[in-house]
């Protein structure tokens, strides 16, 4: 299947794409609201709930903005290379988990954000500098 045909099928099949799909597919995080879908020998991740997907999109956007310095970029406007996107997704999720309770295992992204919002009330209020610092401690990426 060529890339254009795949994108058309993907947009028809995946109504709510998961902003943290890469981290879920790499198994550095899991989510109770994630649906895995097979399309043309590829695995996609969608979200079961619009409000959760919207909240994750906002958190992902805030992570990208706050990781820009750590990635050596003045700002992030477009797609990132895979390794840098993994630092944002896996590192950001693990960094938030570490900031909340000292662990780095993200068993449920939706629950992690619920817990964070109970503590800080708004995604804008999360301590992003602590999250980025914790991400450097708990996420090393693949070596080799």
C-alpha atoms as a PDB file:
ATOM      1  CA  UNK A   1       0.000   0.000   0.000  1.00  0.00           C
ATOM      2  CA  UNK A   2       1.473   3.362  -0.945  1.00  0.00           C
ATOM      3  CA  UNK A   3       1.773   6.112   1.648  1.00  0.00           C
ATOM      4  CA  UNK A   4      -1.030   8.295   0.284  1.00  0.00           C
ATOM      5  CA  UNK A   5      -3.489   5.386   0.225  1.00  0.00           C
ATOM      6  CA  UNK A   6      -2.430   4.455   3.764  1.00  0.00           C
ATOM      7  CA  UNK A   7      -3.085   8.007   4.996  1.00  0.00           C
ATOM      8  CA  UNK A   8      -6.554   7.985   3.450  1.00  0.00           C
ATOM      9  CA  UNK A   9      -7.419   4.658   5.055  1.00  0.00           C
ATOM     10  CA  UNK A  10      -5.912   5.783   8.370  1.00  0.00           C
ATOM     11  CA  UNK A  11      -8.003   8.959   8.478  1.00  0.00           C
ATOM     12  CA  UNK A  12     -11.151   6.932   7.788  1.00  0.00           C
ATOM     13  CA  UNK A  13     -10.399   4.281  10.404  1.00  0.00           C
ATOM     14  CA  UNK A  14      -8.880   6.407  13.146  1.00  0.00           C
ATOM     15  CA  UNK A  15     -11.392   9.044  14.258  1.00  0.00           C
ATOM     16  CA  UNK A  16      -9.471  10.012  17.427  1.00  0.00           C
ATOM     17  CA  UNK A  17      -5.719   9.476  16.958  1.00  0.00           C
ATOM     18  CA  UNK A  18      -3.778   9.110  20.192  1.00  0.00           C
ATOM     19  CA  UNK A  19      -1.207  11.892  20.708  1.00  0.00           C
ATOM     20  CA  UNK A  20       0.953   9.426  22.664  1.00  0.00           C
ATOM     21  CA  UNK A  21       0.690   6.611  20.114  1.00  0.00           C
ATOM     22  CA  UNK A  22       4.451   6.255  19.716  1.00  0.00           C
ATOM     23  CA  UNK A  23       5.013   5.841  23.442  1.00  0.00           C
ATOM     24  CA  UNK A  24       2.208   3.267  23.638  1.00  0.00           C
ATOM     25  CA  UNK A  25       3.512   1.346  20.622  1.00  0.00           C
ATOM     26  CA  UNK A  26       7.035   1.367  22.121  1.00  0.00           C
ATOM     27  CA  UNK A  27       5.555   0.114  25.406  1.00  0.00           C
ATOM     28  CA  UNK A  28       7.054   2.859  27.523  1.00  0.00           C
ATOM     29  CA  UNK A  29       3.485   3.807  28.509  1.00  0.00           C
ATOM     30  CA  UNK A  30       0.025   2.268  28.452  1.00  0.00           C
ATOM     31  CA  UNK A  31      -3.474   3.727  28.525  1.00  0.00           C
ATOM     32  CA  UNK A  32      -6.848   2.261  29.426  1.00  0.00           C
ATOM     33  CA  UNK A  33      -8.514   4.426  26.764  1.00  0.00           C
ATOM     34  CA  UNK A  34      -6.216   3.355  23.912  1.00  0.00           C
ATOM     35  CA  UNK A  35      -7.428   1.191  21.032  1.00  0.00           C
ATOM     36  CA  UNK A  36      -4.887  -0.592  18.837  1.00  0.00           C
ATOM     37  CA  UNK A  37      -5.884  -0.927  15.202  1.00  0.00           C
ATOM     38  CA  UNK A  38      -4.125  -2.866  12.418  1.00  0.00           C
ATOM     39  CA  UNK A  39      -4.019  -1.211   8.973  1.00  0.00           C
ATOM     40  CA  UNK A  40      -1.860  -2.493   6.111  1.00  0.00           C
ATOM     41  CA  UNK A  41       0.591  -4.321   8.392  1.00  0.00           C
ATOM     42  CA  UNK A  42       0.931  -1.231  10.586  1.00  0.00           C
ATOM     43  CA  UNK A  43      -0.358  -0.706  14.068  1.00  0.00           C
ATOM     44  CA  UNK A  44      -2.167   2.507  14.960  1.00  0.00           C
ATOM     45  CA  UNK A  45      -3.419   3.768  18.294  1.00  0.00           C
ATOM     46  CA  UNK A  46      -6.680   5.614  18.725  1.00  0.00           C
ATOM     47  CA  UNK A  47      -8.521   6.974  21.721  1.00  0.00           C
ATOM     48  CA  UNK A  48     -11.930   5.783  22.924  1.00  0.00           C
ATOM     49  CA  UNK A  49     -12.994   9.131  24.372  1.00  0.00           C
ATOM     50  CA  UNK A  50     -12.921  12.596  22.775  1.00  0.00           C
ATOM     51  CA  UNK A  51     -12.395  14.487  26.054  1.00  0.00           C
ATOM     52  CA  UNK A  52      -9.424  12.293  26.994  1.00  0.00           C
ATOM     53  CA  UNK A  53      -7.930  12.684  23.514  1.00  0.00           C
ATOM     54  CA  UNK A  54      -8.333  16.472  23.640  1.00  0.00           C
ATOM     55  CA  UNK A  55      -6.684  16.611  27.064  1.00  0.00           C
ATOM     56  CA  UNK A  56      -3.797  14.420  25.868  1.00  0.00           C
ATOM     57  CA  UNK A  57      -3.350  16.606  22.777  1.00  0.00           C
ATOM     58  CA  UNK A  58      -3.096  19.693  24.976  1.00  0.00           C
ATOM     59  CA  UNK A  59      -0.604  17.986  27.303  1.00  0.00           C
ATOM     60  CA  UNK A  60       1.445  16.755  24.333  1.00  0.00           C
ATOM     61  CA  UNK A  61       1.540  20.290  22.874  1.00  0.00           C
ATOM     62  CA  UNK A  62       2.679  21.683  26.225  1.00  0.00           C
ATOM     63  CA  UNK A  63       5.364  18.999  26.496  1.00  0.00           C
ATOM     64  CA  UNK A  64       6.662  19.834  23.009  1.00  0.00           C
ATOM     65  CA  UNK A  65       6.850  23.511  23.928  1.00  0.00           C
ATOM     66  CA  UNK A  66       8.619  22.830  27.225  1.00  0.00           C
ATOM     67  CA  UNK A  67      11.045  20.282  25.749  1.00  0.00           C
ATOM     68  CA  UNK A  68      12.234  22.691  23.051  1.00  0.00           C
ATOM     69  CA  UNK A  69      15.233  23.874  25.082  1.00  0.00           C
ATOM     70  CA  UNK A  70      16.178  20.320  26.095  1.00  0.00           C
ATOM     71  CA  UNK A  71      16.044  19.325  22.419  1.00  0.00           C
ATOM     72  CA  UNK A  72      18.198  22.292  21.409  1.00  0.00           C
ATOM     73  CA  UNK A  73      15.484  23.977  19.374  1.00  0.00           C
ATOM     74  CA  UNK A  74      14.251  27.552  19.866  1.00  0.00           C
ATOM     75  CA  UNK A  75      10.731  26.345  19.055  1.00  0.00           C
ATOM     76  CA  UNK A  76       9.091  23.259  17.653  1.00  0.00           C
ATOM     77  CA  UNK A  77       6.779  24.004  14.752  1.00  0.00           C
ATOM     78  CA  UNK A  78       6.592  20.758  12.813  1.00  0.00           C
ATOM     79  CA  UNK A  79       7.210  17.061  13.227  1.00  0.00           C
ATOM     80  CA  UNK A  80      10.237  15.964  15.219  1.00  0.00           C
ATOM     81  CA  UNK A  81      12.645  13.176  14.319  1.00  0.00           C
ATOM     82  CA  UNK A  82      11.552   9.890  15.895  1.00  0.00           C
ATOM     83  CA  UNK A  83      14.140   9.875  18.711  1.00  0.00           C
ATOM     84  CA  UNK A  84      13.266  13.430  19.750  1.00  0.00           C
ATOM     85  CA  UNK A  85       9.535  12.698  19.637  1.00  0.00           C
ATOM     86  CA  UNK A  86      10.176   9.686  21.870  1.00  0.00           C
ATOM     87  CA  UNK A  87      12.012  11.941  24.334  1.00  0.00           C
ATOM     88  CA  UNK A  88       8.964  14.213  24.405  1.00  0.00           C
ATOM     89  CA  UNK A  89       6.382  11.418  24.676  1.00  0.00           C
ATOM     90  CA  UNK A  90       8.087   8.754  26.787  1.00  0.00           C
ATOM     91  CA  UNK A  91      10.255  11.191  28.684  1.00  0.00           C
ATOM     92  CA  UNK A  92       7.370  13.575  29.313  1.00  0.00           C
ATOM     93  CA  UNK A  93       5.003  10.885  30.567  1.00  0.00           C
ATOM     94  CA  UNK A  94       7.655   9.179  32.690  1.00  0.00           C
ATOM     95  CA  UNK A  95       8.821  12.585  33.945  1.00  0.00           C
ATOM     96  CA  UNK A  96       5.294  13.501  35.047  1.00  0.00           C
ATOM     97  CA  UNK A  97       4.886  10.124  36.760  1.00  0.00           C
ATOM     98  CA  UNK A  98       8.227  10.614  38.525  1.00  0.00           C
ATOM     99  CA  UNK A  99       7.260  14.143  39.571  1.00  0.00           C
ATOM    100  CA  UNK A 100       4.001  12.841  41.058  1.00  0.00           C
ATOM    101  CA  UNK A 101       5.175   9.769  42.960  1.00  0.00           C
ATOM    102  CA  UNK A 102       8.839   9.000  42.296  1.00  0.00           C
ATOM    103  CA  UNK A 103       8.184   6.039  39.982  1.00  0.00           C
ATOM    104  CA  UNK A 104       8.582   6.025  36.224  1.00  0.00           C
ATOM    105  CA  UNK A 105       6.150   3.306  35.127  1.00  0.00           C
ATOM    106  CA  UNK A 106       3.209   4.788  33.246  1.00  0.00           C
ATOM    107  CA  UNK A 107       0.490   2.149  33.458  1.00  0.00           C
ATOM    108  CA  UNK A 108      -2.368   4.430  32.351  1.00  0.00           C
ATOM    109  CA  UNK A 109      -1.853   7.813  30.647  1.00  0.00           C
ATOM    110  CA  UNK A 110      -5.486   8.855  31.244  1.00  0.00           C
ATOM    111  CA  UNK A 111      -5.240   8.101  34.961  1.00  0.00           C
ATOM    112  CA  UNK A 112      -1.851   9.851  35.164  1.00  0.00           C
ATOM    113  CA  UNK A 113      -3.385  13.039  33.771  1.00  0.00           C
ATOM    114  CA  UNK A 114      -6.416  12.687  36.068  1.00  0.00           C
ATOM    115  CA  UNK A 115      -4.057  12.476  39.058  1.00  0.00           C
ATOM    116  CA  UNK A 116      -1.984  15.424  37.843  1.00  0.00           C
ATOM    117  CA  UNK A 117      -5.108  17.563  37.365  1.00  0.00           C
ATOM    118  CA  UNK A 118      -6.318  16.736  40.883  1.00  0.00           C
ATOM    119  CA  UNK A 119      -3.022  18.062  42.201  1.00  0.00           C
ATOM    120  CA  UNK A 120      -2.491  21.088  39.911  1.00  0.00           C
ATOM    121  CA  UNK A 121      -6.068  21.775  38.614  1.00  0.00           C
ATOM    122  CA  UNK A 122      -4.960  22.774  35.083  1.00  0.00           C
ATOM    123  CA  UNK A 123      -2.465  21.459  32.541  1.00  0.00           C
ATOM    124  CA  UNK A 124      -0.957  24.950  32.337  1.00  0.00           C
ATOM    125  CA  UNK A 125      -0.086  24.731  36.051  1.00  0.00           C
ATOM    126  CA  UNK A 126       1.984  21.531  35.844  1.00  0.00           C
ATOM    127  CA  UNK A 127       5.645  22.004  36.851  1.00  0.00           C
ATOM    128  CA  UNK A 128       7.060  21.498  33.371  1.00  0.00           C
ATOM    129  CA  UNK A 129      10.642  22.353  34.321  1.00  0.00           C
ATOM    130  CA  UNK A 130      10.516  19.560  36.921  1.00  0.00           C
ATOM    131  CA  UNK A 131       8.919  17.199  34.400  1.00  0.00           C
ATOM    132  CA  UNK A 132      11.625  17.874  31.787  1.00  0.00           C
ATOM    133  CA  UNK A 133      14.353  17.444  34.412  1.00  0.00           C
ATOM    134  CA  UNK A 134      12.783  14.198  35.665  1.00  0.00           C
ATOM    135  CA  UNK A 135      12.469  12.985  32.056  1.00  0.00           C
ATOM    136  CA  UNK A 136      16.241  13.237  31.668  1.00  0.00           C
ATOM    137  CA  UNK A 137      16.635  11.049  34.763  1.00  0.00           C
ATOM    138  CA  UNK A 138      14.102   8.347  33.959  1.00  0.00           C
ATOM    139  CA  UNK A 139      14.099   8.100  30.132  1.00  0.00           C
ATOM    140  CA  UNK A 140      17.295   7.240  28.316  1.00  0.00           C
ATOM    141  CA  UNK A 141      15.923   6.061  24.978  1.00  0.00           C
ATOM    142  CA  UNK A 142      17.329   3.144  23.052  1.00  0.00           C
ATOM    143  CA  UNK A 143      21.054   2.680  23.015  1.00  0.00           C
ATOM    144  CA  UNK A 144      22.869   0.723  20.437  1.00  0.00           C
END
